[in-house]
N, C-alpha and C. Protein backbone atom coordinates (compact mmCIF):
# COMPACT_ATOMS: atom_id res chain seq x y z
N UNK A 1 -50.09 -29.44 64.24
CA UNK A 1 -50.06 -28.52 63.10
C UNK A 1 -51.07 -27.40 63.34
N UNK A 2 -50.67 -26.19 62.98
CA UNK A 2 -51.53 -25.03 63.17
C UNK A 2 -51.40 -24.10 61.96
N UNK A 3 -52.52 -23.62 61.46
CA UNK A 3 -52.50 -22.65 60.36
C UNK A 3 -52.47 -21.25 60.95
N UNK A 4 -51.42 -20.50 60.63
CA UNK A 4 -51.24 -19.16 61.18
C UNK A 4 -51.13 -18.17 60.02
N UNK A 5 -52.09 -17.26 59.87
CA UNK A 5 -51.97 -16.24 58.82
C UNK A 5 -50.75 -15.36 59.07
N UNK A 6 -50.04 -15.04 58.00
CA UNK A 6 -48.84 -14.21 58.17
C UNK A 6 -49.18 -12.72 58.23
N UNK A 7 -50.33 -12.36 57.64
CA UNK A 7 -50.73 -10.94 57.55
C UNK A 7 -49.67 -10.09 56.87
N UNK A 8 -48.87 -10.73 56.01
CA UNK A 8 -47.84 -10.01 55.27
C UNK A 8 -48.45 -9.37 54.03
N UNK A 9 -48.25 -8.07 53.83
CA UNK A 9 -48.78 -7.43 52.62
C UNK A 9 -48.16 -8.05 51.36
N UNK A 10 -49.01 -8.41 50.41
CA UNK A 10 -48.51 -8.98 49.17
C UNK A 10 -48.43 -7.86 48.14
N UNK A 11 -47.44 -6.98 48.36
CA UNK A 11 -47.36 -5.76 47.57
C UNK A 11 -46.01 -5.56 46.91
N UNK A 12 -45.30 -6.65 46.64
CA UNK A 12 -44.05 -6.51 45.89
C UNK A 12 -44.35 -6.02 44.47
N UNK A 13 -43.39 -5.39 43.81
CA UNK A 13 -43.64 -4.88 42.46
C UNK A 13 -44.01 -6.00 41.48
N UNK A 14 -45.10 -5.81 40.76
CA UNK A 14 -45.53 -6.81 39.78
C UNK A 14 -44.62 -6.84 38.56
N UNK A 15 -43.63 -5.93 38.54
CA UNK A 15 -42.66 -5.92 37.45
C UNK A 15 -41.58 -6.99 37.65
N UNK A 16 -41.53 -7.58 38.85
CA UNK A 16 -40.59 -8.67 39.09
C UNK A 16 -40.96 -9.87 38.22
N UNK A 17 -39.97 -10.67 37.81
CA UNK A 17 -40.31 -11.93 37.16
C UNK A 17 -41.21 -12.76 38.07
N UNK A 18 -42.20 -13.45 37.52
CA UNK A 18 -43.18 -14.17 38.36
C UNK A 18 -42.56 -15.10 39.39
N UNK A 19 -41.51 -15.84 39.00
CA UNK A 19 -40.94 -16.79 39.95
C UNK A 19 -40.24 -16.07 41.10
N UNK A 20 -39.66 -14.90 40.82
CA UNK A 20 -39.05 -14.11 41.89
C UNK A 20 -40.12 -13.51 42.80
N UNK A 21 -41.18 -13.02 42.19
CA UNK A 21 -42.28 -12.41 42.95
C UNK A 21 -42.86 -13.41 43.94
N UNK A 22 -43.20 -14.60 43.46
CA UNK A 22 -43.88 -15.57 44.32
C UNK A 22 -42.92 -16.13 45.37
N UNK A 23 -41.65 -16.30 45.01
CA UNK A 23 -40.67 -16.82 45.97
C UNK A 23 -40.38 -15.81 47.07
N UNK A 24 -40.24 -14.55 46.70
CA UNK A 24 -40.00 -13.51 47.70
C UNK A 24 -41.20 -13.35 48.63
N UNK A 25 -42.40 -13.43 48.07
CA UNK A 25 -43.61 -13.30 48.89
C UNK A 25 -43.71 -14.45 49.89
N UNK A 26 -43.47 -15.68 49.44
CA UNK A 26 -43.52 -16.83 50.34
C UNK A 26 -42.45 -16.73 51.43
N UNK A 27 -41.27 -16.23 51.07
CA UNK A 27 -40.19 -16.06 52.05
C UNK A 27 -40.57 -15.04 53.11
N UNK A 28 -41.15 -13.93 52.69
CA UNK A 28 -41.59 -12.91 53.64
C UNK A 28 -42.66 -13.45 54.59
N UNK A 29 -43.57 -14.27 54.05
CA UNK A 29 -44.60 -14.90 54.89
C UNK A 29 -43.96 -15.80 55.94
N UNK A 30 -43.02 -16.65 55.50
CA UNK A 30 -42.36 -17.58 56.41
C UNK A 30 -41.60 -16.84 57.50
N UNK A 31 -40.87 -15.81 57.12
CA UNK A 31 -40.08 -15.05 58.09
C UNK A 31 -40.97 -14.32 59.10
N UNK A 32 -42.10 -13.82 58.63
CA UNK A 32 -43.01 -13.10 59.53
C UNK A 32 -43.58 -14.04 60.60
N UNK A 33 -44.01 -15.23 60.19
CA UNK A 33 -44.57 -16.19 61.15
C UNK A 33 -43.48 -16.74 62.05
N UNK A 34 -42.30 -16.97 61.48
CA UNK A 34 -41.16 -17.46 62.29
C UNK A 34 -40.84 -16.48 63.41
N UNK A 35 -40.75 -15.20 63.07
CA UNK A 35 -40.45 -14.18 64.08
C UNK A 35 -41.53 -14.12 65.16
N UNK A 36 -42.76 -14.39 64.75
CA UNK A 36 -43.89 -14.37 65.69
C UNK A 36 -43.88 -15.58 66.62
N UNK A 37 -43.41 -16.72 66.11
CA UNK A 37 -43.51 -17.98 66.85
C UNK A 37 -42.23 -18.43 67.53
N UNK A 38 -41.10 -17.78 67.25
CA UNK A 38 -39.82 -18.29 67.73
C UNK A 38 -39.74 -18.35 69.26
N UNK A 39 -40.41 -17.44 69.94
CA UNK A 39 -40.38 -17.44 71.41
C UNK A 39 -41.63 -18.07 72.02
N UNK A 40 -42.37 -18.80 71.22
CA UNK A 40 -43.61 -19.41 71.70
C UNK A 40 -43.31 -20.51 72.71
N UNK A 41 -44.13 -20.64 73.75
CA UNK A 41 -43.94 -21.73 74.72
C UNK A 41 -44.26 -23.10 74.14
N UNK A 42 -44.80 -23.13 72.93
CA UNK A 42 -45.16 -24.40 72.30
C UNK A 42 -43.93 -25.16 71.81
N UNK A 43 -42.75 -24.52 71.85
CA UNK A 43 -41.54 -25.19 71.40
C UNK A 43 -41.04 -24.61 70.10
N UNK A 44 -39.94 -25.19 69.59
CA UNK A 44 -39.33 -24.68 68.37
C UNK A 44 -40.31 -24.79 67.20
N UNK A 45 -40.49 -23.70 66.48
CA UNK A 45 -41.44 -23.74 65.37
C UNK A 45 -40.84 -24.40 64.13
N UNK A 46 -41.69 -25.06 63.39
CA UNK A 46 -41.33 -25.53 62.04
C UNK A 46 -42.33 -24.85 61.11
N UNK A 47 -41.83 -23.98 60.26
CA UNK A 47 -42.69 -23.15 59.43
C UNK A 47 -42.68 -23.63 57.99
N UNK A 48 -43.86 -23.79 57.42
CA UNK A 48 -44.00 -24.06 55.99
C UNK A 48 -44.94 -23.00 55.42
N UNK A 49 -44.41 -22.15 54.56
CA UNK A 49 -45.21 -21.08 53.96
C UNK A 49 -45.31 -21.31 52.46
N UNK A 50 -46.42 -20.85 51.89
CA UNK A 50 -46.63 -21.01 50.45
C UNK A 50 -47.28 -19.76 49.88
N UNK A 51 -46.98 -19.50 48.63
CA UNK A 51 -47.66 -18.44 47.90
C UNK A 51 -47.87 -18.91 46.47
N UNK A 52 -49.04 -18.60 45.94
CA UNK A 52 -49.39 -19.02 44.58
C UNK A 52 -49.83 -17.82 43.76
N UNK A 53 -49.34 -17.75 42.54
CA UNK A 53 -49.81 -16.72 41.61
C UNK A 53 -50.12 -17.37 40.27
N UNK A 54 -50.98 -16.71 39.53
CA UNK A 54 -51.31 -17.09 38.17
C UNK A 54 -50.64 -16.09 37.24
N UNK A 55 -50.09 -16.58 36.14
CA UNK A 55 -49.47 -15.69 35.15
C UNK A 55 -50.19 -15.85 33.82
N UNK A 56 -50.77 -14.76 33.36
CA UNK A 56 -51.40 -14.72 32.04
C UNK A 56 -50.27 -14.66 31.02
N UNK A 57 -50.02 -15.77 30.34
CA UNK A 57 -48.87 -15.84 29.44
C UNK A 57 -49.02 -14.96 28.21
N UNK A 58 -50.23 -14.51 27.92
CA UNK A 58 -50.42 -13.64 26.76
C UNK A 58 -49.96 -12.21 27.04
N UNK A 59 -49.96 -11.82 28.32
CA UNK A 59 -49.56 -10.46 28.70
C UNK A 59 -48.39 -10.44 29.67
N UNK A 60 -48.10 -11.58 30.30
CA UNK A 60 -47.06 -11.63 31.32
C UNK A 60 -47.52 -11.09 32.66
N UNK A 61 -48.82 -10.80 32.79
CA UNK A 61 -49.35 -10.20 34.02
C UNK A 61 -49.42 -11.23 35.15
N UNK A 62 -49.06 -10.79 36.36
CA UNK A 62 -49.20 -11.61 37.56
C UNK A 62 -50.59 -11.38 38.13
N UNK A 63 -51.34 -12.46 38.29
CA UNK A 63 -52.71 -12.36 38.82
C UNK A 63 -52.76 -12.97 40.21
N UNK A 64 -53.33 -12.24 41.14
CA UNK A 64 -53.54 -12.77 42.48
C UNK A 64 -55.05 -12.92 42.71
N UNK A 65 -55.53 -12.55 43.87
CA UNK A 65 -56.96 -12.69 44.15
C UNK A 65 -57.73 -11.52 43.52
N UNK A 66 -58.93 -11.77 43.01
CA UNK A 66 -59.73 -10.68 42.43
C UNK A 66 -60.10 -9.64 43.48
N UNK A 67 -60.11 -8.38 43.07
CA UNK A 67 -60.39 -7.28 44.00
C UNK A 67 -61.88 -6.97 44.12
N UNK A 68 -62.65 -7.37 43.12
CA UNK A 68 -64.08 -7.07 43.09
C UNK A 68 -64.74 -8.05 42.13
N UNK A 69 -66.07 -8.02 42.08
CA UNK A 69 -66.77 -8.91 41.15
C UNK A 69 -66.43 -8.56 39.70
N UNK A 70 -66.38 -7.28 39.39
CA UNK A 70 -66.06 -6.86 38.02
C UNK A 70 -64.64 -7.29 37.64
N UNK A 71 -63.71 -7.13 38.58
CA UNK A 71 -62.33 -7.55 38.33
C UNK A 71 -62.26 -9.06 38.17
N UNK A 72 -63.04 -9.78 38.96
CA UNK A 72 -63.09 -11.24 38.90
C UNK A 72 -63.56 -11.71 37.52
N UNK A 73 -64.63 -11.10 37.04
CA UNK A 73 -65.17 -11.47 35.72
C UNK A 73 -64.15 -11.19 34.63
N UNK A 74 -63.53 -10.01 34.68
CA UNK A 74 -62.54 -9.64 33.67
C UNK A 74 -61.33 -10.58 33.71
N UNK A 75 -60.94 -10.98 34.92
CA UNK A 75 -59.81 -11.88 35.08
C UNK A 75 -60.07 -13.23 34.41
N UNK A 76 -61.24 -13.80 34.67
CA UNK A 76 -61.57 -15.11 34.11
C UNK A 76 -61.77 -15.04 32.60
N UNK A 77 -62.36 -13.97 32.12
CA UNK A 77 -62.51 -13.80 30.67
C UNK A 77 -61.13 -13.70 30.00
N UNK A 78 -60.23 -12.98 30.66
CA UNK A 78 -58.88 -12.86 30.12
C UNK A 78 -58.16 -14.19 30.06
N UNK A 79 -58.31 -15.01 31.11
CA UNK A 79 -57.68 -16.33 31.11
C UNK A 79 -58.30 -17.24 30.06
N UNK A 80 -59.62 -17.14 29.89
CA UNK A 80 -60.29 -17.94 28.85
C UNK A 80 -59.79 -17.54 27.46
N UNK A 81 -59.73 -16.25 27.21
CA UNK A 81 -59.34 -15.78 25.88
C UNK A 81 -57.87 -16.05 25.58
N UNK A 82 -57.04 -16.04 26.64
CA UNK A 82 -55.61 -16.31 26.45
C UNK A 82 -55.37 -17.79 26.15
N UNK A 83 -56.27 -18.64 26.62
CA UNK A 83 -56.09 -20.08 26.44
C UNK A 83 -55.21 -20.65 27.53
N UNK A 84 -53.90 -20.46 27.39
CA UNK A 84 -52.95 -21.03 28.35
C UNK A 84 -52.53 -20.00 29.40
N UNK A 85 -52.38 -20.45 30.64
CA UNK A 85 -51.73 -19.64 31.67
C UNK A 85 -50.89 -20.56 32.55
N UNK A 86 -50.07 -19.96 33.39
CA UNK A 86 -49.19 -20.74 34.26
C UNK A 86 -49.51 -20.47 35.73
N UNK A 87 -49.37 -21.51 36.53
CA UNK A 87 -49.55 -21.41 37.98
C UNK A 87 -48.21 -21.67 38.64
N UNK A 88 -47.75 -20.70 39.42
CA UNK A 88 -46.51 -20.83 40.17
C UNK A 88 -46.84 -20.89 41.66
N UNK A 89 -46.30 -21.90 42.34
CA UNK A 89 -46.39 -21.96 43.80
C UNK A 89 -44.98 -22.03 44.36
N UNK A 90 -44.67 -21.12 45.27
CA UNK A 90 -43.39 -21.15 45.98
C UNK A 90 -43.63 -21.68 47.38
N UNK A 91 -42.75 -22.55 47.82
CA UNK A 91 -42.78 -23.11 49.18
C UNK A 91 -41.50 -22.71 49.90
N UNK A 92 -41.64 -22.32 51.16
CA UNK A 92 -40.48 -21.97 51.98
C UNK A 92 -40.63 -22.67 53.33
N UNK A 93 -39.60 -23.40 53.74
CA UNK A 93 -39.60 -24.09 55.03
C UNK A 93 -38.50 -23.51 55.90
N UNK A 94 -38.81 -23.31 57.18
CA UNK A 94 -37.84 -22.76 58.14
C UNK A 94 -37.94 -23.51 59.46
N UNK A 95 -36.80 -23.71 60.09
CA UNK A 95 -36.77 -24.27 61.44
C UNK A 95 -35.52 -23.77 62.14
N UNK A 96 -35.56 -23.56 63.46
CA UNK A 96 -34.37 -23.04 64.16
C UNK A 96 -33.28 -24.08 64.30
N UNK A 97 -32.05 -23.59 64.43
CA UNK A 97 -30.92 -24.45 64.74
C UNK A 97 -30.75 -24.53 66.26
N UNK A 98 -30.29 -25.66 66.74
CA UNK A 98 -30.02 -25.79 68.17
C UNK A 98 -28.76 -25.03 68.55
N UNK A 99 -27.86 -24.86 67.58
CA UNK A 99 -26.60 -24.17 67.83
C UNK A 99 -26.77 -22.66 67.67
N UNK A 100 -25.69 -21.95 67.93
CA UNK A 100 -25.70 -20.49 67.79
C UNK A 100 -25.22 -20.05 66.42
N UNK A 101 -25.07 -20.99 65.50
CA UNK A 101 -24.58 -20.65 64.16
C UNK A 101 -25.55 -19.68 63.49
N UNK A 102 -25.01 -18.60 62.94
CA UNK A 102 -25.84 -17.61 62.27
C UNK A 102 -26.36 -18.16 60.95
N UNK A 103 -27.60 -17.80 60.55
CA UNK A 103 -28.49 -16.80 61.16
C UNK A 103 -29.43 -17.37 62.22
N UNK A 104 -29.16 -18.58 62.68
CA UNK A 104 -29.99 -19.15 63.74
C UNK A 104 -31.09 -20.06 63.26
N UNK A 105 -31.24 -20.17 61.95
CA UNK A 105 -32.28 -21.04 61.40
C UNK A 105 -31.81 -21.63 60.07
N UNK A 106 -32.45 -22.73 59.70
CA UNK A 106 -32.26 -23.30 58.37
C UNK A 106 -33.46 -22.91 57.52
N UNK A 107 -33.21 -22.54 56.28
CA UNK A 107 -34.28 -22.13 55.36
C UNK A 107 -34.05 -22.78 54.01
N UNK A 108 -35.09 -23.38 53.48
CA UNK A 108 -35.04 -23.97 52.14
C UNK A 108 -36.29 -23.55 51.38
N UNK A 109 -36.16 -23.47 50.07
CA UNK A 109 -37.31 -23.06 49.25
C UNK A 109 -37.31 -23.82 47.94
N UNK A 110 -38.47 -23.86 47.30
CA UNK A 110 -38.59 -24.48 45.98
C UNK A 110 -39.77 -23.86 45.25
N UNK A 111 -39.84 -24.13 43.97
CA UNK A 111 -40.87 -23.54 43.12
C UNK A 111 -41.47 -24.63 42.24
N UNK A 112 -42.78 -24.60 42.09
CA UNK A 112 -43.49 -25.56 41.24
C UNK A 112 -44.27 -24.79 40.17
N UNK A 113 -44.25 -25.30 38.95
CA UNK A 113 -44.96 -24.66 37.83
C UNK A 113 -45.91 -25.65 37.16
N UNK A 114 -47.11 -25.20 36.88
CA UNK A 114 -48.10 -26.00 36.14
C UNK A 114 -48.72 -25.13 35.05
N UNK A 115 -48.88 -25.71 33.86
CA UNK A 115 -49.57 -25.01 32.78
C UNK A 115 -51.04 -25.42 32.78
N UNK A 116 -51.91 -24.45 32.59
CA UNK A 116 -53.35 -24.69 32.59
C UNK A 116 -53.95 -24.08 31.32
N UNK A 117 -54.83 -24.83 30.69
CA UNK A 117 -55.56 -24.32 29.53
C UNK A 117 -57.04 -24.23 29.87
N UNK A 118 -57.61 -23.04 29.77
CA UNK A 118 -59.05 -22.88 29.93
C UNK A 118 -59.76 -23.34 28.66
N UNK A 119 -60.99 -23.78 28.84
CA UNK A 119 -61.85 -24.13 27.71
C UNK A 119 -62.32 -22.84 27.06
N UNK A 120 -61.88 -22.58 25.84
CA UNK A 120 -62.22 -21.32 25.18
C UNK A 120 -63.67 -21.27 24.71
N UNK A 121 -64.37 -22.39 24.88
CA UNK A 121 -65.80 -22.41 24.55
C UNK A 121 -66.69 -22.00 25.71
N UNK A 122 -66.10 -21.74 26.88
CA UNK A 122 -66.88 -21.32 28.05
C UNK A 122 -67.48 -19.94 27.78
N UNK A 123 -68.78 -19.82 27.99
CA UNK A 123 -69.48 -18.57 27.68
C UNK A 123 -69.33 -17.53 28.79
N UNK A 124 -69.61 -16.28 28.44
CA UNK A 124 -69.60 -15.21 29.44
C UNK A 124 -70.62 -15.49 30.55
N UNK A 125 -71.74 -16.10 30.18
CA UNK A 125 -72.79 -16.41 31.15
C UNK A 125 -72.31 -17.43 32.19
N UNK A 126 -71.55 -18.42 31.72
CA UNK A 126 -71.00 -19.42 32.65
C UNK A 126 -70.00 -18.76 33.59
N UNK A 127 -69.16 -17.89 33.06
CA UNK A 127 -68.19 -17.18 33.89
C UNK A 127 -68.90 -16.34 34.95
N UNK A 128 -69.93 -15.60 34.55
CA UNK A 128 -70.69 -14.78 35.50
C UNK A 128 -71.32 -15.65 36.59
N UNK A 129 -71.91 -16.77 36.18
CA UNK A 129 -72.54 -17.67 37.15
C UNK A 129 -71.50 -18.21 38.13
N UNK A 130 -70.31 -18.54 37.61
CA UNK A 130 -69.26 -19.05 38.49
C UNK A 130 -68.80 -17.98 39.47
N UNK A 131 -68.58 -16.77 38.97
CA UNK A 131 -68.13 -15.68 39.85
C UNK A 131 -69.12 -15.48 40.99
N UNK A 132 -70.39 -15.60 40.70
CA UNK A 132 -71.41 -15.35 41.72
C UNK A 132 -71.53 -16.47 42.75
N UNK A 133 -70.88 -17.60 42.50
CA UNK A 133 -70.80 -18.63 43.55
C UNK A 133 -69.83 -18.22 44.65
N UNK A 134 -68.94 -17.28 44.34
CA UNK A 134 -67.92 -16.78 45.27
C UNK A 134 -66.83 -17.81 45.58
N UNK A 135 -66.85 -18.93 44.89
CA UNK A 135 -65.86 -19.96 45.17
C UNK A 135 -64.43 -19.46 44.92
N UNK A 136 -64.25 -18.70 43.85
CA UNK A 136 -62.90 -18.28 43.48
C UNK A 136 -62.51 -16.91 43.98
N UNK A 137 -63.36 -16.29 44.81
CA UNK A 137 -63.11 -14.91 45.23
C UNK A 137 -61.85 -14.76 46.07
N UNK A 138 -61.44 -15.82 46.77
CA UNK A 138 -60.26 -15.73 47.63
C UNK A 138 -59.08 -16.53 47.09
N UNK A 139 -59.10 -16.79 45.78
CA UNK A 139 -58.06 -17.62 45.18
C UNK A 139 -57.30 -16.86 44.10
N UNK A 140 -56.00 -17.13 44.03
CA UNK A 140 -55.19 -16.53 42.97
C UNK A 140 -55.74 -16.96 41.62
N UNK A 141 -55.94 -16.00 40.73
CA UNK A 141 -56.49 -16.31 39.42
C UNK A 141 -58.00 -16.37 39.39
N UNK A 142 -58.63 -16.42 40.59
CA UNK A 142 -60.08 -16.33 40.65
C UNK A 142 -60.84 -17.61 40.41
N UNK A 143 -60.17 -18.77 40.49
CA UNK A 143 -60.92 -20.03 40.33
C UNK A 143 -60.30 -21.13 41.18
N UNK A 144 -61.14 -22.12 41.52
CA UNK A 144 -60.68 -23.28 42.28
C UNK A 144 -60.85 -24.52 41.43
N UNK A 145 -59.75 -25.07 40.95
CA UNK A 145 -59.82 -26.21 40.03
C UNK A 145 -60.37 -27.45 40.73
N UNK A 146 -60.27 -27.51 42.07
CA UNK A 146 -60.74 -28.66 42.82
C UNK A 146 -62.25 -28.63 43.05
N UNK A 147 -62.90 -27.54 42.65
CA UNK A 147 -64.34 -27.39 42.87
C UNK A 147 -65.07 -27.10 41.58
N UNK A 148 -66.04 -26.18 41.66
CA UNK A 148 -66.82 -25.82 40.48
C UNK A 148 -65.96 -25.20 39.39
N UNK A 149 -64.82 -24.63 39.78
CA UNK A 149 -63.93 -24.00 38.80
C UNK A 149 -63.40 -24.96 37.76
N UNK A 150 -63.53 -26.25 38.02
CA UNK A 150 -63.06 -27.25 37.04
C UNK A 150 -63.82 -27.15 35.72
N UNK A 151 -65.03 -26.56 35.74
CA UNK A 151 -65.79 -26.44 34.49
C UNK A 151 -65.14 -25.45 33.53
N UNK A 152 -64.23 -24.62 34.03
CA UNK A 152 -63.55 -23.65 33.19
C UNK A 152 -62.32 -24.23 32.51
N UNK A 153 -61.83 -25.36 33.02
CA UNK A 153 -60.53 -25.89 32.62
C UNK A 153 -60.67 -26.98 31.56
N UNK A 154 -59.83 -26.87 30.53
CA UNK A 154 -59.79 -27.88 29.48
C UNK A 154 -58.77 -28.97 29.83
N UNK A 155 -57.54 -28.55 30.17
CA UNK A 155 -56.50 -29.54 30.52
C UNK A 155 -55.38 -28.83 31.28
N UNK A 156 -54.52 -29.65 31.91
CA UNK A 156 -53.36 -29.10 32.60
C UNK A 156 -52.13 -29.91 32.23
N UNK A 157 -50.97 -29.30 32.43
CA UNK A 157 -49.69 -29.98 32.24
C UNK A 157 -48.85 -29.70 33.48
N UNK A 158 -48.68 -30.72 34.30
CA UNK A 158 -47.99 -30.54 35.58
C UNK A 158 -48.86 -31.01 36.72
N UNK A 159 -48.49 -30.61 37.93
CA UNK A 159 -49.17 -31.09 39.12
C UNK A 159 -50.52 -30.45 39.37
N UNK A 160 -51.54 -31.30 39.57
CA UNK A 160 -52.88 -30.81 39.90
C UNK A 160 -52.88 -30.11 41.26
N UNK A 161 -52.18 -30.70 42.25
CA UNK A 161 -52.20 -30.12 43.59
C UNK A 161 -51.49 -28.77 43.63
N UNK A 162 -50.62 -28.51 42.66
CA UNK A 162 -50.00 -27.19 42.57
C UNK A 162 -51.03 -26.12 42.22
N UNK A 163 -51.96 -26.47 41.34
CA UNK A 163 -53.02 -25.52 40.96
C UNK A 163 -53.96 -25.31 42.15
N UNK A 164 -54.16 -26.35 42.93
CA UNK A 164 -54.98 -26.22 44.15
C UNK A 164 -54.31 -25.25 45.13
N UNK A 165 -52.96 -25.25 45.16
CA UNK A 165 -52.26 -24.29 46.00
C UNK A 165 -51.18 -24.86 46.89
N UNK A 166 -51.07 -26.21 46.97
CA UNK A 166 -50.01 -26.81 47.79
C UNK A 166 -49.55 -28.12 47.15
N UNK A 167 -48.42 -28.08 46.43
CA UNK A 167 -47.88 -29.32 45.85
C UNK A 167 -47.33 -30.22 46.96
N UNK A 168 -48.07 -31.26 47.29
CA UNK A 168 -47.79 -32.05 48.50
C UNK A 168 -46.44 -32.76 48.47
N UNK A 169 -46.11 -33.39 47.33
CA UNK A 169 -44.83 -34.11 47.27
C UNK A 169 -43.66 -33.15 47.44
N UNK A 170 -43.76 -31.99 46.78
CA UNK A 170 -42.69 -30.99 46.93
C UNK A 170 -42.62 -30.50 48.38
N UNK A 171 -43.78 -30.33 49.02
CA UNK A 171 -43.81 -29.85 50.40
C UNK A 171 -43.12 -30.85 51.33
N UNK A 172 -43.42 -32.14 51.17
CA UNK A 172 -42.81 -33.16 52.02
C UNK A 172 -41.31 -33.24 51.78
N UNK A 173 -40.91 -33.17 50.50
CA UNK A 173 -39.49 -33.18 50.15
C UNK A 173 -38.76 -31.99 50.78
N UNK A 174 -39.39 -30.82 50.73
CA UNK A 174 -38.77 -29.61 51.26
C UNK A 174 -38.65 -29.67 52.78
N UNK A 175 -39.69 -30.19 53.44
CA UNK A 175 -39.66 -30.31 54.90
C UNK A 175 -38.52 -31.23 55.33
N UNK A 176 -38.36 -32.34 54.62
CA UNK A 176 -37.26 -33.25 54.94
C UNK A 176 -35.91 -32.57 54.71
N UNK A 177 -35.82 -31.81 53.62
CA UNK A 177 -34.57 -31.15 53.27
C UNK A 177 -34.14 -30.15 54.33
N UNK A 178 -35.10 -29.36 54.84
CA UNK A 178 -34.73 -28.33 55.82
C UNK A 178 -34.37 -28.96 57.16
N UNK A 179 -35.01 -30.08 57.51
CA UNK A 179 -34.66 -30.77 58.76
C UNK A 179 -33.25 -31.35 58.66
N UNK A 180 -32.93 -31.96 57.52
CA UNK A 180 -31.59 -32.52 57.31
C UNK A 180 -30.55 -31.41 57.37
N UNK A 181 -30.87 -30.27 56.73
CA UNK A 181 -29.93 -29.15 56.75
C UNK A 181 -29.71 -28.63 58.16
N UNK A 182 -30.79 -28.52 58.93
CA UNK A 182 -30.66 -28.06 60.31
C UNK A 182 -29.79 -29.02 61.12
N UNK A 183 -30.00 -30.33 60.92
CA UNK A 183 -29.18 -31.32 61.62
C UNK A 183 -27.72 -31.22 61.21
N UNK A 184 -27.48 -31.04 59.90
CA UNK A 184 -26.11 -30.92 59.40
C UNK A 184 -25.42 -29.69 59.98
N UNK A 185 -26.14 -28.57 60.03
CA UNK A 185 -25.56 -27.34 60.57
C UNK A 185 -25.20 -27.53 62.04
N UNK A 186 -26.09 -28.18 62.79
CA UNK A 186 -25.81 -28.43 64.21
C UNK A 186 -24.61 -29.36 64.38
N UNK A 187 -24.53 -30.38 63.50
CA UNK A 187 -23.41 -31.31 63.56
C UNK A 187 -22.10 -30.60 63.26
N UNK A 188 -22.11 -29.76 62.22
CA UNK A 188 -20.91 -29.01 61.87
C UNK A 188 -20.48 -28.11 63.01
N UNK A 189 -21.45 -27.49 63.66
CA UNK A 189 -21.14 -26.59 64.77
C UNK A 189 -20.54 -27.38 65.93
N UNK A 190 -21.10 -28.57 66.17
CA UNK A 190 -20.59 -29.41 67.24
C UNK A 190 -19.19 -29.90 66.96
N UNK A 191 -18.91 -30.27 65.69
CA UNK A 191 -17.59 -30.73 65.31
C UNK A 191 -16.56 -29.63 65.48
N UNK A 192 -16.95 -28.41 65.11
CA UNK A 192 -16.03 -27.28 65.26
C UNK A 192 -15.68 -27.08 66.73
N UNK A 193 -16.69 -27.24 67.59
CA UNK A 193 -16.46 -27.06 69.02
C UNK A 193 -15.50 -28.10 69.57
N UNK A 194 -15.62 -29.37 69.09
CA UNK A 194 -14.74 -30.44 69.55
C UNK A 194 -13.30 -30.15 69.15
N UNK A 195 -13.09 -29.65 67.91
CA UNK A 195 -11.75 -29.35 67.44
C UNK A 195 -11.12 -28.25 68.28
N UNK A 196 -11.92 -27.22 68.59
CA UNK A 196 -11.41 -26.12 69.40
C UNK A 196 -11.01 -26.62 70.79
N UNK A 197 -11.81 -27.55 71.34
CA UNK A 197 -11.52 -28.08 72.67
C UNK A 197 -10.22 -28.86 72.66
N UNK A 198 -10.01 -29.69 71.61
CA UNK A 198 -8.80 -30.48 71.51
C UNK A 198 -7.57 -29.59 71.42
N UNK A 199 -7.69 -28.49 70.62
CA UNK A 199 -6.56 -27.58 70.46
C UNK A 199 -6.21 -26.93 71.79
N UNK A 200 -7.23 -26.51 72.55
CA UNK A 200 -6.96 -25.84 73.82
C UNK A 200 -6.33 -26.79 74.83
N UNK A 201 -6.76 -28.09 74.78
CA UNK A 201 -6.18 -29.06 75.70
C UNK A 201 -4.72 -29.32 75.36
N UNK A 202 -4.43 -29.32 74.02
CA UNK A 202 -3.05 -29.56 73.59
C UNK A 202 -2.13 -28.44 74.01
N UNK A 203 -2.64 -27.22 74.06
CA UNK A 203 -1.83 -26.08 74.47
C UNK A 203 -1.53 -26.17 75.96
């Protein structure tokens, strides 16, 4: 297993519905790494890409990583004051087909949603102190629930690992699904070839 940054710009229009935005972004990431690795001497790539966004349900705004300390503080205050927000993670799995069947790869995707409620009693001073730890500076929504960011959270509804950024059960299910699909596509291609051969022999 190897972690490969996609370096894909996350600049799709924020006017897209959140689930479309995160799914399209994860798909672009997967396709970028797939194109980079398909001719690798390491063998056929199996790509699993993920993208996570936070949605402020009071405004419908899609939140990604904070751009600055001031933006980070404002983001967390907004999530606290809103009370509830949603975390969407899109997963995309890709692997090549052994056959020449177009488009040459199997691709499957899924989406996970978790509701999170911040503790509305968290003070501005606590938010400032948390921001200055820099723990959430590289995270969608500006906090890490698995670390110090847990002090901001009152409760969640849904998968904890989704808020962390990778819903593991969904990831394993998706990986199995794309492998089965790739095998099925190869089998179908092989069956078609056998039928063509039989017809030509009969002629």
